[in-house]
Amino acid sequence: LDHWQTELIQPKTRFQRWDALLQARLALHQLEDLCD
């Protein structure tokens, strides 16, 4: 995830992998629910 965060904070970078980022956030939510 740090690799994507580095791309996101670059002002000249046109980030295109929004679908992958969405799936990563959903997986993190499911992992949090699992731990709960």
Full PDB file with SEQRES, HELIX, SHEET, SSBOND, CRYST1, ORIGX, SCALE, CONECT and MASTER records, all heavy atoms in Angstrom:
SEQRES   1 A   36  LEU ASP HIS TRP GLN THR GLU LEU ILE GLN PRO LYS THR          
SEQRES   2 A   36  ARG PHE GLN ARG TRP ASP ALA LEU LEU GLN ALA ARG LEU          
SEQRES   3 A   36  ALA LEU HIS GLN LEU GLU ASP LEU CYS ASP                      
HELIX    1 AA1 ASP A    2  LEU A    8  1                                   7    
HELIX    2 AA2 TRP A   18  CYS A   35  1                                  18    
CRYST1    1.000    1.000    1.000  90.00  90.00  90.00 P 1           1          
ORIGX1      1.000000  0.000000  0.000000        0.00000                         
ORIGX2      0.000000  1.000000  0.000000        0.00000                         
ORIGX3      0.000000  0.000000  1.000000        0.00000                         
SCALE1      1.000000  0.000000  0.000000        0.00000                         
SCALE2      0.000000  1.000000  0.000000        0.00000                         
SCALE3      0.000000  0.000000  1.000000        0.00000                         
ATOM      1  N   LEU A   1       0.818  -1.212   0.000  1.00  0.00           N  
ATOM      2  CA  LEU A   1       0.000   0.000   0.000  1.00  0.00           C  
ATOM      3  C   LEU A   1       0.855   1.267   0.000  1.00  0.00           C  
ATOM      4  O   LEU A   1       0.407   2.306  -0.502  1.00  0.00           O  
ATOM      5  CB  LEU A   1      -0.937  -0.011   1.204  1.00  0.00           C  
ATOM      6  CG  LEU A   1      -2.000  -1.110   1.192  1.00  0.00           C  
ATOM      7  CD1 LEU A   1      -2.867  -1.028   2.436  1.00  0.00           C  
ATOM      8  CD2 LEU A   1      -2.873  -1.013  -0.050  1.00  0.00           C  
ATOM      9  N   ASP A   2       2.047   1.209   0.561  1.00  0.00           N  
ATOM     10  CA  ASP A   2       2.914   2.389   0.550  1.00  0.00           C  
ATOM     11  C   ASP A   2       3.283   2.799  -0.866  1.00  0.00           C  
ATOM     12  O   ASP A   2       3.463   4.000  -1.141  1.00  0.00           O  
ATOM     13  CB  ASP A   2       4.186   2.117   1.357  1.00  0.00           C  
ATOM     14  CG  ASP A   2       3.927   2.131   2.851  1.00  0.00           C  
ATOM     15  OD1 ASP A   2       2.840   2.606   3.251  1.00  0.00           O  
ATOM     16  OD2 ASP A   2       4.779   1.634   3.624  1.00  0.00           O  
ATOM     17  N   HIS A   3       3.399   1.835  -1.763  1.00  0.00           N  
ATOM     18  CA  HIS A   3       3.726   2.153  -3.156  1.00  0.00           C  
ATOM     19  C   HIS A   3       2.621   2.993  -3.781  1.00  0.00           C  
ATOM     20  O   HIS A   3       2.898   3.996  -4.469  1.00  0.00           O  
ATOM     21  CB  HIS A   3       3.929   0.864  -3.946  1.00  0.00           C  
ATOM     22  CG  HIS A   3       4.119   1.087  -5.424  1.00  0.00           C  
ATOM     23  ND1 HIS A   3       5.246   1.683  -5.946  1.00  0.00           N  
ATOM     24  CD2 HIS A   3       3.310   0.812  -6.489  1.00  0.00           C  
ATOM     25  CE1 HIS A   3       5.132   1.765  -7.267  1.00  0.00           C  
ATOM     26  NE2 HIS A   3       3.980   1.236  -7.617  1.00  0.00           N  
ATOM     27  N   TRP A   4       1.371   2.610  -3.546  1.00  0.00           N  
ATOM     28  CA  TRP A   4       0.256   3.392  -4.082  1.00  0.00           C  
ATOM     29  C   TRP A   4       0.162   4.760  -3.419  1.00  0.00           C  
ATOM     30  O   TRP A   4      -0.143   5.751  -4.068  1.00  0.00           O  
ATOM     31  CB  TRP A   4      -1.047   2.625  -3.901  1.00  0.00           C  
ATOM     32  CG  TRP A   4      -1.198   1.526  -4.899  1.00  0.00           C  
ATOM     33  CD1 TRP A   4      -0.412   1.264  -5.972  1.00  0.00           C  
ATOM     34  CD2 TRP A   4      -2.221   0.534  -4.912  1.00  0.00           C  
ATOM     35  NE1 TRP A   4      -0.863   0.173  -6.647  1.00  0.00           N  
ATOM     36  CE2 TRP A   4      -1.974  -0.297  -6.029  1.00  0.00           C  
ATOM     37  CE3 TRP A   4      -3.302   0.253  -4.096  1.00  0.00           C  
ATOM     38  CZ2 TRP A   4      -2.781  -1.374  -6.346  1.00  0.00           C  
ATOM     39  CZ3 TRP A   4      -4.116  -0.822  -4.408  1.00  0.00           C  
ATOM     40  CH2 TRP A   4      -3.858  -1.626  -5.527  1.00  0.00           C  
ATOM     41  N   GLN A   5       0.427   4.823  -2.129  1.00  0.00           N  
ATOM     42  CA  GLN A   5       0.373   6.106  -1.445  1.00  0.00           C  
ATOM     43  C   GLN A   5       1.418   7.061  -2.000  1.00  0.00           C  
ATOM     44  O   GLN A   5       1.161   8.265  -2.139  1.00  0.00           O  
ATOM     45  CB  GLN A   5       0.573   5.900   0.054  1.00  0.00           C  
ATOM     46  CG  GLN A   5      -0.565   5.151   0.730  1.00  0.00           C  
ATOM     47  CD  GLN A   5      -0.280   4.854   2.187  1.00  0.00           C  
ATOM     48  OE1 GLN A   5       0.648   5.395   2.757  1.00  0.00           O  
ATOM     49  NE2 GLN A   5      -1.068   3.987   2.780  1.00  0.00           N  
ATOM     50  N   THR A   6       2.592   6.532  -2.333  1.00  0.00           N  
ATOM     51  CA  THR A   6       3.628   7.375  -2.927  1.00  0.00           C  
ATOM     52  C   THR A   6       3.179   7.921  -4.271  1.00  0.00           C  
ATOM     53  O   THR A   6       3.440   9.082  -4.607  1.00  0.00           O  
ATOM     54  CB  THR A   6       4.935   6.576  -3.083  1.00  0.00           C  
ATOM     55  OG1 THR A   6       5.336   6.064  -1.806  1.00  0.00           O  
ATOM     56  CG2 THR A   6       6.042   7.443  -3.636  1.00  0.00           C  
ATOM     57  N   GLU A   7       2.494   7.102  -5.064  1.00  0.00           N  
ATOM     58  CA  GLU A   7       1.980   7.575  -6.343  1.00  0.00           C  
ATOM     59  C   GLU A   7       0.874   8.612  -6.156  1.00  0.00           C  
ATOM     60  O   GLU A   7       0.780   9.580  -6.913  1.00  0.00           O  
ATOM     61  CB  GLU A   7       1.440   6.398  -7.165  1.00  0.00           C  
ATOM     62  CG  GLU A   7       2.515   5.455  -7.686  1.00  0.00           C  
ATOM     63  CD  GLU A   7       1.939   4.413  -8.623  1.00  0.00           C  
ATOM     64  OE1 GLU A   7       0.759   4.553  -9.011  1.00  0.00           O  
ATOM     65  OE2 GLU A   7       2.651   3.457  -8.954  1.00  0.00           O  
ATOM     66  N   LEU A   8       0.044   8.397  -5.137  1.00  0.00           N  
ATOM     67  CA  LEU A   8      -1.087   9.299  -4.945  1.00  0.00           C  
ATOM     68  C   LEU A   8      -0.659  10.701  -4.546  1.00  0.00           C  
ATOM     69  O   LEU A   8      -1.307  11.685  -4.934  1.00  0.00           O  
ATOM     70  CB  LEU A   8      -2.035   8.721  -3.880  1.00  0.00           C  
ATOM     71  CG  LEU A   8      -2.911   7.544  -4.316  1.00  0.00           C  
ATOM     72  CD1 LEU A   8      -3.617   6.940  -3.119  1.00  0.00           C  
ATOM     73  CD2 LEU A   8      -3.928   7.991  -5.360  1.00  0.00           C  
ATOM     74  N   ILE A   9       0.410  10.828  -3.772  1.00  0.00           N  
ATOM     75  CA  ILE A   9       0.786  12.146  -3.282  1.00  0.00           C  
ATOM     76  C   ILE A   9       1.673  12.891  -4.270  1.00  0.00           C  
ATOM     77  O   ILE A   9       2.053  14.032  -4.001  1.00  0.00           O  
ATOM     78  CB  ILE A   9       1.511  12.049  -1.924  1.00  0.00           C  
ATOM     79  CG1 ILE A   9       2.811  11.256  -2.062  1.00  0.00           C  
ATOM     80  CG2 ILE A   9       0.600  11.427  -0.876  1.00  0.00           C  
ATOM     81  CD1 ILE A   9       3.603  11.165  -0.770  1.00  0.00           C  
ATOM     82  N   GLN A  10       2.015  12.265  -5.404  1.00  0.00           N  
ATOM     83  CA  GLN A  10       2.760  12.970  -6.435  1.00  0.00           C  
ATOM     84  C   GLN A  10       1.802  13.822  -7.253  1.00  0.00           C  
ATOM     85  O   GLN A  10       0.886  13.304  -7.890  1.00  0.00           O  
ATOM     86  CB  GLN A  10       3.492  11.984  -7.353  1.00  0.00           C  
ATOM     87  CG  GLN A  10       4.564  11.167  -6.666  1.00  0.00           C  
ATOM     88  CD  GLN A  10       5.715  12.023  -6.167  1.00  0.00           C  
ATOM     89  OE1 GLN A  10       6.031  13.050  -6.756  1.00  0.00           O  
ATOM     90  NE2 GLN A  10       6.342  11.591  -5.077  1.00  0.00           N  
ATOM     91  N   PRO A  11       1.954  15.162  -7.272  1.00  0.00           N  
ATOM     92  CA  PRO A  11       0.959  16.013  -7.950  1.00  0.00           C  
ATOM     93  C   PRO A  11       0.911  15.816  -9.456  1.00  0.00           C  
ATOM     94  O   PRO A  11      -0.125  16.045 -10.076  1.00  0.00           O  
ATOM     95  CB  PRO A  11       1.427  17.435  -7.590  1.00  0.00           C  
ATOM     96  CG  PRO A  11       2.869  17.302  -7.256  1.00  0.00           C  
ATOM     97  CD  PRO A  11       3.041  15.930  -6.659  1.00  0.00           C  
ATOM     98  N   LYS A  12       2.026  15.384 -10.066  1.00  0.00           N  
ATOM     99  CA  LYS A  12       2.052  15.234 -11.520  1.00  0.00           C  
ATOM    100  C   LYS A  12       1.674  13.831 -11.971  1.00  0.00           C  
ATOM    101  O   LYS A  12       1.660  13.547 -13.167  1.00  0.00           O  
ATOM    102  CB  LYS A  12       3.443  15.577 -12.055  1.00  0.00           C  
ATOM    103  CG  LYS A  12       3.812  17.041 -11.862  1.00  0.00           C  
ATOM    104  CD  LYS A  12       5.158  17.345 -12.501  1.00  0.00           C  
ATOM    105  CE  LYS A  12       5.513  18.811 -12.345  1.00  0.00           C  
ATOM    106  NZ  LYS A  12       6.815  19.142 -12.975  1.00  0.00           N  
ATOM    107  N   THR A  13       1.384  12.948 -11.017  1.00  0.00           N  
ATOM    108  CA  THR A  13       1.046  11.569 -11.364  1.00  0.00           C  
ATOM    109  C   THR A  13      -0.449  11.446 -11.636  1.00  0.00           C  
ATOM    110  O   THR A  13      -1.273  11.922 -10.852  1.00  0.00           O  
ATOM    111  CB  THR A  13       1.440  10.616 -10.227  1.00  0.00           C  
ATOM    112  OG1 THR A  13       2.843  10.722  -9.994  1.00  0.00           O  
ATOM    113  CG2 THR A  13       1.105   9.177 -10.591  1.00  0.00           C  
ATOM    114  N   ARG A  14      -0.767  10.829 -12.743  1.00  0.00           N  
ATOM    115  CA  ARG A  14      -2.168  10.544 -13.060  1.00  0.00           C  
ATOM    116  C   ARG A  14      -2.472   9.114 -12.631  1.00  0.00           C  
ATOM    117  O   ARG A  14      -2.207   8.162 -13.359  1.00  0.00           O  
ATOM    118  CB  ARG A  14      -2.441  10.738 -14.549  1.00  0.00           C  
ATOM    119  CG  ARG A  14      -2.338  12.190 -15.001  1.00  0.00           C  
ATOM    120  CD  ARG A  14      -2.817  12.367 -16.430  1.00  0.00           C  
ATOM    121  NE  ARG A  14      -2.802  13.767 -16.825  1.00  0.00           N  
ATOM    122  CZ  ARG A  14      -3.218  14.214 -18.016  1.00  0.00           C  
ATOM    123  NH1 ARG A  14      -3.653  13.331 -18.915  1.00  0.00           N  
ATOM    124  NH2 ARG A  14      -3.172  15.497 -18.276  1.00  0.00           N  
ATOM    125  N   PHE A  15      -3.015   8.976 -11.448  1.00  0.00           N  
ATOM    126  CA  PHE A  15      -3.292   7.646 -10.880  1.00  0.00           C  
ATOM    127  C   PHE A  15      -4.478   7.029 -11.605  1.00  0.00           C  
ATOM    128  O   PHE A  15      -5.551   7.640 -11.725  1.00  0.00           O  
ATOM    129  CB  PHE A  15      -3.589   7.783  -9.384  1.00  0.00           C  
ATOM    130  CG  PHE A  15      -3.634   6.470  -8.659  1.00  0.00           C  
ATOM    131  CD1 PHE A  15      -2.473   5.797  -8.330  1.00  0.00           C  
ATOM    132  CD2 PHE A  15      -4.847   5.904  -8.308  1.00  0.00           C  
ATOM    133  CE1 PHE A  15      -2.510   4.590  -7.660  1.00  0.00           C  
ATOM    134  CE2 PHE A  15      -4.898   4.698  -7.638  1.00  0.00           C  
ATOM    135  CZ  PHE A  15      -3.722   4.042  -7.318  1.00  0.00           C  
ATOM    136  N   GLN A  16      -4.292   5.796 -12.096  1.00  0.00           N  
ATOM    137  CA  GLN A  16      -5.318   5.135 -12.908  1.00  0.00           C  
ATOM    138  C   GLN A  16      -5.901   3.899 -12.241  1.00  0.00           C  
ATOM    139  O   GLN A  16      -6.935   3.404 -12.698  1.00  0.00           O  
ATOM    140  CB  GLN A  16      -4.726   4.735 -14.270  1.00  0.00           C  
ATOM    141  CG  GLN A  16      -4.155   5.891 -15.070  1.00  0.00           C  
ATOM    142  CD  GLN A  16      -5.221   6.860 -15.532  1.00  0.00           C  
ATOM    143  OE1 GLN A  16      -6.402   6.517 -15.629  1.00  0.00           O  
ATOM    144  NE2 GLN A  16      -4.811   8.092 -15.799  1.00  0.00           N  
ATOM    145  N   ARG A  17      -5.292   3.408 -11.157  1.00  0.00           N  
ATOM    146  CA  ARG A  17      -5.715   2.118 -10.587  1.00  0.00           C  
ATOM    147  C   ARG A  17      -6.714   2.315  -9.455  1.00  0.00           C  
ATOM    148  O   ARG A  17      -6.540   1.810  -8.342  1.00  0.00           O  
ATOM    149  CB  ARG A  17      -4.490   1.350 -10.105  1.00  0.00           C  
ATOM    150  CG  ARG A  17      -3.442   1.121 -11.185  1.00  0.00           C  
ATOM    151  CD  ARG A  17      -2.425   0.116 -10.735  1.00  0.00           C  
ATOM    152  NE  ARG A  17      -3.033  -1.186 -10.492  1.00  0.00           N  
ATOM    153  CZ  ARG A  17      -2.403  -2.215  -9.944  1.00  0.00           C  
ATOM    154  NH1 ARG A  17      -1.139  -2.075  -9.585  1.00  0.00           N  
ATOM    155  NH2 ARG A  17      -3.021  -3.351  -9.728  1.00  0.00           N  
ATOM    156  N   TRP A  18      -7.779   3.047  -9.739  1.00  0.00           N  
ATOM    157  CA  TRP A  18      -8.781   3.295  -8.703  1.00  0.00           C  
ATOM    158  C   TRP A  18      -9.566   2.033  -8.380  1.00  0.00           C  
ATOM    159  O   TRP A  18     -10.003   1.849  -7.238  1.00  0.00           O  
ATOM    160  CB  TRP A  18      -9.731   4.406  -9.168  1.00  0.00           C  
ATOM    161  CG  TRP A  18      -9.066   5.736  -9.282  1.00  0.00           C  
ATOM    162  CD1 TRP A  18      -8.743   6.411 -10.426  1.00  0.00           C  
ATOM    163  CD2 TRP A  18      -8.605   6.569  -8.206  1.00  0.00           C  
ATOM    164  NE1 TRP A  18      -8.121   7.597 -10.134  1.00  0.00           N  
ATOM    165  CE2 TRP A  18      -8.022   7.726  -8.775  1.00  0.00           C  
ATOM    166  CE3 TRP A  18      -8.624   6.443  -6.818  1.00  0.00           C  
ATOM    167  CZ2 TRP A  18      -7.486   8.745  -8.009  1.00  0.00           C  
ATOM    168  CZ3 TRP A  18      -8.078   7.462  -6.054  1.00  0.00           C  
ATOM    169  CH2 TRP A  18      -7.521   8.591  -6.643  1.00  0.00           C  
ATOM    170  N   ASP A  19      -9.775   1.156  -9.363  1.00  0.00           N  
ATOM    171  CA  ASP A  19     -10.492  -0.094  -9.083  1.00  0.00           C  
ATOM    172  C   ASP A  19      -9.696  -0.976  -8.134  1.00  0.00           C  
ATOM    173  O   ASP A  19     -10.246  -1.567  -7.198  1.00  0.00           O  
ATOM    174  CB  ASP A  19     -10.797  -0.839 -10.387  1.00  0.00           C  
ATOM    175  CG  ASP A  19      -9.539  -1.094 -11.210  1.00  0.00           C  
ATOM    176  OD1 ASP A  19      -8.512  -0.430 -10.937  1.00  0.00           O  
ATOM    177  OD2 ASP A  19      -9.583  -1.943 -12.116  1.00  0.00           O  
ATOM    178  N   ALA A  20      -8.375  -1.046  -8.354  1.00  0.00           N  
ATOM    179  CA  ALA A  20      -7.534  -1.847  -7.465  1.00  0.00           C  
ATOM    180  C   ALA A  20      -7.486  -1.246  -6.061  1.00  0.00           C  
ATOM    181  O   ALA A  20      -7.495  -1.969  -5.060  1.00  0.00           O  
ATOM    182  CB  ALA A  20      -6.124  -1.951  -8.044  1.00  0.00           C  
ATOM    183  N   LEU A  21      -7.447   0.085  -5.986  1.00  0.00           N  
ATOM    184  CA  LEU A  21      -7.433   0.730  -4.672  1.00  0.00           C  
ATOM    185  C   LEU A  21      -8.744   0.476  -3.934  1.00  0.00           C  
ATOM    186  O   LEU A  21      -8.745   0.256  -2.717  1.00  0.00           O  
ATOM    187  CB  LEU A  21      -7.207   2.232  -4.844  1.00  0.00           C  
ATOM    188  CG  LEU A  21      -7.136   3.053  -3.566  1.00  0.00           C  
ATOM    189  CD1 LEU A  21      -5.974   2.600  -2.693  1.00  0.00           C  
ATOM    190  CD2 LEU A  21      -7.008   4.536  -3.885  1.00  0.00           C  
ATOM    191  N   LEU A  22      -9.854   0.479  -4.651  1.00  0.00           N  
ATOM    192  CA  LEU A  22     -11.144   0.191  -4.029  1.00  0.00           C  
ATOM    193  C   LEU A  22     -11.180  -1.226  -3.481  1.00  0.00           C  
ATOM    194  O   LEU A  22     -11.650  -1.461  -2.359  1.00  0.00           O  
ATOM    195  CB  LEU A  22     -12.270   0.412  -5.041  1.00  0.00           C  
ATOM    196  CG  LEU A  22     -13.687   0.072  -4.554  1.00  0.00           C  
ATOM    197  CD1 LEU A  22     -14.067   0.927  -3.360  1.00  0.00           C  
ATOM    198  CD2 LEU A  22     -14.696   0.242  -5.685  1.00  0.00           C  
ATOM    199  N   GLN A  23     -10.679  -2.185  -4.256  1.00  0.00           N  
ATOM    200  CA  GLN A  23     -10.654  -3.566  -3.784  1.00  0.00           C  
ATOM    201  C   GLN A  23      -9.739  -3.722  -2.574  1.00  0.00           C  
ATOM    202  O   GLN A  23     -10.038  -4.495  -1.658  1.00  0.00           O  
ATOM    203  CB  GLN A  23     -10.187  -4.496  -4.914  1.00  0.00           C  
ATOM    204  CG  GLN A  23     -11.166  -4.604  -6.078  1.00  0.00           C  
ATOM    205  CD  GLN A  23     -12.509  -5.171  -5.657  1.00  0.00           C  
ATOM    206  OE1 GLN A  23     -12.590  -5.976  -4.733  1.00  0.00           O  
ATOM    207  NE2 GLN A  23     -13.566  -4.757  -6.341  1.00  0.00           N  
ATOM    208  N   ALA A  24      -8.636  -2.987  -2.555  1.00  0.00           N  
ATOM    209  CA  ALA A  24      -7.745  -3.045  -1.397  1.00  0.00           C  
ATOM    210  C   ALA A  24      -8.428  -2.506  -0.146  1.00  0.00           C  
ATOM    211  O   ALA A  24      -8.304  -3.071   0.944  1.00  0.00           O  
ATOM    212  CB  ALA A  24      -6.465  -2.260  -1.686  1.00  0.00           C  
ATOM    213  N   ARG A  25      -9.169  -1.420  -0.286  1.00  0.00           N  
ATOM    214  CA  ARG A  25      -9.877  -0.859   0.862  1.00  0.00           C  
ATOM    215  C   ARG A  25     -10.968  -1.807   1.349  1.00  0.00           C  
ATOM    216  O   ARG A  25     -11.169  -1.963   2.559  1.00  0.00           O  
ATOM    217  CB  ARG A  25     -10.473   0.498   0.488  1.00  0.00           C  
ATOM    218  CG  ARG A  25      -9.421   1.579   0.218  1.00  0.00           C  
ATOM    219  CD  ARG A  25     -10.045   2.883  -0.206  1.00  0.00           C  
ATOM    220  NE  ARG A  25     -10.925   3.413   0.821  1.00  0.00           N  
ATOM    221  CZ  ARG A  25     -11.698   4.485   0.649  1.00  0.00           C  
ATOM    222  NH1 ARG A  25     -11.688   5.130  -0.498  1.00  0.00           N  
ATOM    223  NH2 ARG A  25     -12.461   4.922   1.621  1.00  0.00           N  
ATOM    224  N   LEU A  26     -11.660  -2.458   0.412  1.00  0.00           N  
ATOM    225  CA  LEU A  26     -12.677  -3.434   0.816  1.00  0.00           C  
ATOM    226  C   LEU A  26     -12.029  -4.611   1.546  1.00  0.00           C  
ATOM    227  O   LEU A  26     -12.567  -5.097   2.556  1.00  0.00           O  
ATOM    228  CB  LEU A  26     -13.443  -3.928  -0.421  1.00  0.00           C  
ATOM    229  CG  LEU A  26     -14.372  -2.923  -1.101  1.00  0.00           C  
ATOM    230  CD1 LEU A  26     -14.989  -3.529  -2.359  1.00  0.00           C  
ATOM    231  CD2 LEU A  26     -15.470  -2.475  -0.148  1.00  0.00           C  
ATOM    232  N   ALA A  27     -10.885  -5.066   1.055  1.00  0.00           N  
ATOM    233  CA  ALA A  27     -10.191  -6.176   1.725  1.00  0.00           C  
ATOM    234  C   ALA A  27      -9.739  -5.773   3.122  1.00  0.00           C  
ATOM    235  O   ALA A  27      -9.801  -6.568   4.060  1.00  0.00           O  
ATOM    236  CB  ALA A  27      -9.001  -6.627   0.882  1.00  0.00           C  
ATOM    237  N   LEU A  28      -9.301  -4.537   3.289  1.00  0.00           N  
ATOM    238  CA  LEU A  28      -8.896  -4.064   4.611  1.00  0.00           C  
ATOM    239  C   LEU A  28     -10.090  -4.006   5.553  1.00  0.00           C  
ATOM    240  O   LEU A  28      -9.985  -4.351   6.735  1.00  0.00           O  
ATOM    241  CB  LEU A  28      -8.231  -2.697   4.500  1.00  0.00           C  
ATOM    242  CG  LEU A  28      -6.823  -2.670   3.887  1.00  0.00           C  
ATOM    243  CD1 LEU A  28      -6.339  -1.241   3.721  1.00  0.00           C  
ATOM    244  CD2 LEU A  28      -5.851  -3.461   4.741  1.00  0.00           C  
ATOM    245  N   HIS A  29     -11.246  -3.573   5.039  1.00  0.00           N  
ATOM    246  CA  HIS A  29     -12.457  -3.552   5.863  1.00  0.00           C  
ATOM    247  C   HIS A  29     -12.832  -4.973   6.299  1.00  0.00           C  
ATOM    248  O   HIS A  29     -13.197  -5.204   7.466  1.00  0.00           O  
ATOM    249  CB  HIS A  29     -13.621  -2.926   5.092  1.00  0.00           C  
ATOM    250  CG  HIS A  29     -13.547  -1.433   5.004  1.00  0.00           C  
ATOM    251  ND1 HIS A  29     -13.400  -0.622   6.112  1.00  0.00           N  
ATOM    252  CD2 HIS A  29     -13.592  -0.595   3.940  1.00  0.00           C  
ATOM    253  CE1 HIS A  29     -13.363   0.648   5.733  1.00  0.00           C  
ATOM    254  NE2 HIS A  29     -13.467   0.682   4.423  1.00  0.00           N  
ATOM    255  N   GLN A  30     -12.762  -5.917   5.376  1.00  0.00           N  
ATOM    256  CA  GLN A  30     -13.105  -7.299   5.714  1.00  0.00           C  
ATOM    257  C   GLN A  30     -12.101  -7.889   6.694  1.00  0.00           C  
ATOM    258  O   GLN A  30     -12.472  -8.659   7.591  1.00  0.00           O  
ATOM    259  CB  GLN A  30     -13.171  -8.125   4.432  1.00  0.00           C  
ATOM    260  CG  GLN A  30     -14.349  -7.742   3.539  1.00  0.00           C  
ATOM    261  CD  GLN A  30     -14.174  -8.188   2.102  1.00  0.00           C  
ATOM    262  OE1 GLN A  30     -13.115  -8.646   1.709  1.00  0.00           O  
ATOM    263  NE2 GLN A  30     -15.222  -8.028   1.301  1.00  0.00           N  
ATOM    264  N   LEU A  31     -10.823  -7.535   6.549  1.00  0.00           N  
ATOM    265  CA  LEU A  31      -9.817  -8.016   7.482  1.00  0.00           C  
ATOM    266  C   LEU A  31     -10.049  -7.438   8.876  1.00  0.00           C  
ATOM    267  O   LEU A  31      -9.878  -8.128   9.885  1.00  0.00           O  
ATOM    268  CB  LEU A  31      -8.431  -7.639   6.975  1.00  0.00           C  
ATOM    269  CG  LEU A  31      -7.221  -8.318   7.633  1.00  0.00           C  
ATOM    270  CD1 LEU A  31      -7.324  -9.825   7.512  1.00  0.00           C  
ATOM    271  CD2 LEU A  31      -5.928  -7.827   7.000  1.00  0.00           C  
ATOM    272  N   GLU A  32     -10.474  -6.179   8.930  1.00  0.00           N  
ATOM    273  CA  GLU A  32     -10.782  -5.565  10.230  1.00  0.00           C  
ATOM    274  C   GLU A  32     -11.976  -6.250  10.882  1.00  0.00           C  
ATOM    275  O   GLU A  32     -11.965  -6.524  12.093  1.00  0.00           O  
ATOM    276  CB  GLU A  32     -11.053  -4.080  10.041  1.00  0.00           C  
ATOM    277  CG  GLU A  32     -11.379  -3.351  11.330  1.00  0.00           C  
ATOM    278  CD  GLU A  32     -11.692  -1.891  11.108  1.00  0.00           C  
ATOM    279  OE1 GLU A  32     -11.596  -1.426   9.952  1.00  0.00           O  
ATOM    280  OE2 GLU A  32     -12.055  -1.202  12.081  1.00  0.00           O  
ATOM    281  N   ASP A  33     -13.027  -6.521  10.098  1.00  0.00           N  
ATOM    282  CA  ASP A  33     -14.190  -7.229  10.646  1.00  0.00           C  
ATOM    283  C   ASP A  33     -13.798  -8.619  11.135  1.00  0.00           C  
ATOM    284  O   ASP A  33     -14.303  -9.086  12.175  1.00  0.00           O  
ATOM    285  CB  ASP A  33     -15.290  -7.336   9.589  1.00  0.00           C  
ATOM    286  CG  ASP A  33     -15.869  -5.982   9.208  1.00  0.00           C  
ATOM    287  OD1 ASP A  33     -15.725  -5.035  10.017  1.00  0.00           O  
ATOM    288  OD2 ASP A  33     -16.439  -5.863   8.118  1.00  0.00           O  
ATOM    289  N   LEU A  34     -12.921  -9.276  10.406  1.00  0.00           N  
ATOM    290  CA  LEU A  34     -12.463 -10.616  10.801  1.00  0.00           C  
ATOM    291  C   LEU A  34     -11.752 -10.566  12.154  1.00  0.00           C  
ATOM    292  O   LEU A  34     -12.010 -11.394  13.036  1.00  0.00           O  
ATOM    293  CB  LEU A  34     -11.533 -11.166   9.726  1.00  0.00           C  
ATOM    294  CG  LEU A  34     -11.056 -12.603   9.879  1.00  0.00           C  
ATOM    295  CD1 LEU A  34     -12.205 -13.570   9.691  1.00  0.00           C  
ATOM    296  CD2 LEU A  34      -9.955 -12.892   8.875  1.00  0.00           C  
ATOM    297  N   CYS A  35     -10.878  -9.583  12.323  1.00  0.00           N  
ATOM    298  CA  CYS A  35     -10.153  -9.449  13.594  1.00  0.00           C  
ATOM    299  C   CYS A  35     -11.098  -9.069  14.729  1.00  0.00           C  
ATOM    300  O   CYS A  35     -10.906  -9.499  15.870  1.00  0.00           O  
ATOM    301  CB  CYS A  35      -9.041  -8.424  13.451  1.00  0.00           C  
ATOM    302  SG  CYS A  35      -7.695  -8.918  12.340  1.00  0.00           S  
ATOM    303  N   ASP A  36     -12.106  -8.255  14.434  1.00  0.00           N  
ATOM    304  CA  ASP A  36     -13.076  -7.896  15.471  1.00  0.00           C  
ATOM    305  C   ASP A  36     -13.841  -9.126  15.954  1.00  0.00           C  
ATOM    306  O   ASP A  36     -14.094  -9.276  17.160  1.00  0.00           O  
ATOM    307  CB  ASP A  36     -14.055  -6.847  14.927  1.00  0.00           C  
ATOM    308  CG  ASP A  36     -13.419  -5.467  14.816  1.00  0.00           C  
ATOM    309  OD1 ASP A  36     -12.423  -5.222  15.530  1.00  0.00           O  
ATOM    310  OD2 ASP A  36     -13.908  -4.647  14.023  1.00  0.00           O  
TER     311      ASP A  36                                                      
MASTER        0    0    0    2    0    0    0    6  310    1    0    3          
END                                                                             
